[in-house]
Amino acid sequence: MPDRVQIDIPLLLIGLLLSATLIAFLAGVFPYPFGFFILCFAMLGRILQLHSRK
């Protein structure tokens, strides 16, 4: 287990935007979760980029 865990800021930001989009959709603010797929692909791309660095 690593001694210190580093937080990836772009991945955290994408995750926050994704959750805000889903919360707004479930609250009825948006009729369709705008950007949901774009944010999912951005998160997947970032995770794959982080794995390829190791």
Protein backbone atom coordinates (compact mmCIF):
# COMPACT_ATOMS: atom_id res chain seq x y z
CA MET A 1 0.00 0.00 0.00
CA PRO A 2 1.46 3.39 -0.92
CA ASP A 3 2.49 5.67 1.91
CA ARG A 4 0.93 8.72 0.33
CA VAL A 5 -2.06 8.81 -1.98
CA GLN A 6 -2.07 11.53 -4.63
CA ILE A 7 -5.37 12.93 -5.82
CA ASP A 8 -5.71 13.45 -9.56
CA ILE A 9 -7.38 16.85 -9.86
CA PRO A 10 -8.75 16.44 -13.43
CA LEU A 11 -10.28 13.07 -12.56
CA LEU A 12 -11.81 14.53 -9.41
CA LEU A 13 -13.24 17.45 -11.37
CA ILE A 14 -14.72 15.15 -14.03
CA GLY A 15 -16.28 13.02 -11.28
CA LEU A 16 -17.82 16.06 -9.61
CA LEU A 17 -19.24 17.32 -12.90
CA LEU A 18 -20.63 13.87 -13.66
CA SER A 19 -22.36 13.66 -10.28
CA ALA A 20 -23.71 17.20 -10.59
CA THR A 21 -25.15 16.33 -14.01
CA LEU A 22 -26.85 13.21 -12.66
CA ILE A 23 -28.21 15.02 -9.60
CA ALA A 24 -29.62 17.80 -11.79
CA PHE A 25 -31.23 15.20 -14.07
CA LEU A 26 -32.79 13.30 -11.16
CA ALA A 27 -34.02 16.56 -9.62
CA GLY A 28 -35.84 17.39 -12.84
CA VAL A 29 -33.71 20.39 -13.80
CA PHE A 30 -32.73 18.84 -17.14
CA PRO A 31 -35.03 16.66 -19.24
CA TYR A 32 -31.94 14.74 -20.44
CA PRO A 33 -28.56 14.48 -18.69
CA PHE A 34 -26.59 16.78 -21.01
CA GLY A 35 -22.97 15.83 -21.28
CA PHE A 36 -23.34 12.51 -19.46
CA PHE A 37 -21.71 10.46 -22.20
CA ILE A 38 -19.05 13.08 -22.85
CA LEU A 39 -18.10 13.13 -19.17
CA CYS A 40 -18.09 9.32 -19.03
CA PHE A 41 -15.75 9.15 -22.02
CA ALA A 42 -13.54 11.86 -20.50
CA MET A 43 -13.35 9.92 -17.23
CA LEU A 44 -12.57 6.68 -19.04
CA GLY A 45 -9.88 8.39 -21.10
CA ARG A 46 -8.29 9.91 -18.01
CA ILE A 47 -8.28 6.58 -16.17
CA LEU A 48 -6.70 4.86 -19.18
CA GLN A 49 -4.09 7.60 -19.43
CA LEU A 50 -3.20 7.21 -15.76
CA HIS A 51 -2.90 3.42 -16.12
CA SER A 52 -0.66 3.73 -19.18
CA ARG A 53 1.83 5.91 -17.24
CA LYS A 54 2.54 3.14 -14.73
